[in-house]
Amino acid sequence: MKLFETAEIAKLDPQEFKAYQASLNAYRDIKNSIDTAREEVIIDVVKKALKAGLDIATVMQITGLSKEEVEALEKETSVER
């Protein structure tokens, strides 16, 4: 698949290649924004869940984060256990 894509890109004239690059950059920017927003939402959910008294195992199950990741966020929020 990569070889075919590379061959197709090689056929582009300079103007088309520039448009392709701009499109690729826009896609990457949007994807990075979405990924960052998703991380921020998960962090917010973890902090609220811990403040509400949920145990680490439950928070791990809900968010898919590791024990170490949840514990690090727990320390950030100064939640007493």
Protein backbone atom coordinates (compact mmCIF):
# COMPACT_ATOMS: atom_id res chain seq x y z
CA MET A 1 0.00 0.00 0.00
CA LYS A 2 2.78 2.46 0.93
CA LEU A 3 4.55 1.81 -2.37
CA PHE A 4 1.38 2.61 -4.33
CA GLU A 5 0.82 5.80 -2.31
CA THR A 6 4.42 6.85 -2.84
CA ALA A 7 4.13 6.24 -6.59
CA GLU A 8 0.91 8.27 -6.74
CA ILE A 9 2.49 11.16 -4.83
CA ALA A 10 5.50 11.11 -7.15
CA LYS A 11 3.14 11.75 -10.09
CA LEU A 12 1.93 15.05 -8.67
CA ASP A 13 3.06 18.28 -10.25
CA PRO A 14 4.64 20.88 -7.92
CA GLN A 15 1.36 22.72 -7.33
CA GLU A 16 -0.53 19.49 -6.58
CA PHE A 17 2.27 18.33 -4.30
CA LYS A 18 2.13 21.62 -2.39
CA ALA A 19 -1.65 21.23 -1.98
CA TYR A 20 -1.14 17.63 -0.85
CA GLN A 21 1.40 18.73 1.75
CA ALA A 22 -0.93 21.48 3.01
CA SER A 23 -3.76 18.97 3.29
CA LEU A 24 -1.54 16.53 5.17
CA ASN A 25 -0.42 19.27 7.57
CA ALA A 26 -4.02 20.32 8.20
CA TYR A 27 -4.97 16.69 8.90
CA ARG A 28 -2.10 16.31 11.38
CA ASP A 29 -3.03 19.55 13.14
CA ILE A 30 -6.65 18.47 13.51
CA LYS A 31 -5.67 14.99 14.71
CA ASN A 32 -3.27 16.44 17.28
CA SER A 33 -5.98 18.81 18.53
CA ILE A 34 -8.45 15.96 18.92
CA ASP A 35 -5.90 13.74 20.66
CA THR A 36 -4.99 16.54 23.07
CA ALA A 37 -8.66 17.25 23.84
CA ARG A 38 -9.28 13.54 24.44
CA GLU A 39 -6.36 13.37 26.88
CA GLU A 40 -7.64 16.43 28.73
CA VAL A 41 -11.11 14.89 29.05
CA ILE A 42 -9.69 11.64 30.40
CA ILE A 43 -7.55 13.54 32.90
CA ASP A 44 -10.60 15.52 34.03
CA VAL A 45 -12.65 12.33 34.42
CA VAL A 46 -9.89 10.69 36.47
CA LYS A 47 -9.57 13.67 38.79
CA LYS A 48 -13.33 13.92 39.31
CA ALA A 49 -13.68 10.17 39.84
CA LEU A 50 -10.93 10.16 42.46
CA LYS A 51 -12.41 13.20 44.20
CA ALA A 52 -15.78 11.41 44.23
CA GLY A 53 -14.14 8.53 46.07
CA LEU A 54 -13.81 5.90 43.36
CA ASP A 55 -10.95 3.50 43.95
CA ILE A 56 -7.97 3.32 41.61
CA ALA A 57 -8.98 -0.06 40.15
CA THR A 58 -12.38 1.29 39.11
CA VAL A 59 -10.85 4.43 37.60
CA MET A 60 -8.39 2.24 35.68
CA GLN A 61 -11.26 0.14 34.34
CA ILE A 62 -13.29 3.17 33.28
CA THR A 63 -10.45 5.09 31.62
CA GLY A 64 -8.13 2.37 30.39
CA LEU A 65 -5.19 4.05 32.10
CA SER A 66 -2.51 2.13 33.96
CA LYS A 67 -2.22 2.11 37.74
CA GLU A 68 0.86 4.33 37.50
CA GLU A 69 -0.95 6.88 35.33
CA VAL A 70 -3.93 7.05 37.70
CA GLU A 71 -1.65 7.31 40.73
CA ALA A 72 0.29 10.15 39.09
CA LEU A 73 -2.95 12.04 38.48
CA GLU A 74 -4.03 11.27 42.03
CA LYS A 75 -0.86 12.94 43.32
CA GLU A 76 -1.51 15.93 41.05
CA THR A 77 -4.96 16.45 42.50
CA SER A 78 -3.82 15.98 46.10
CA VAL A 79 -6.55 13.45 46.74
CA GLU A 80 -6.07 11.84 50.13
CA ARG A 81 -6.39 8.06 50.18
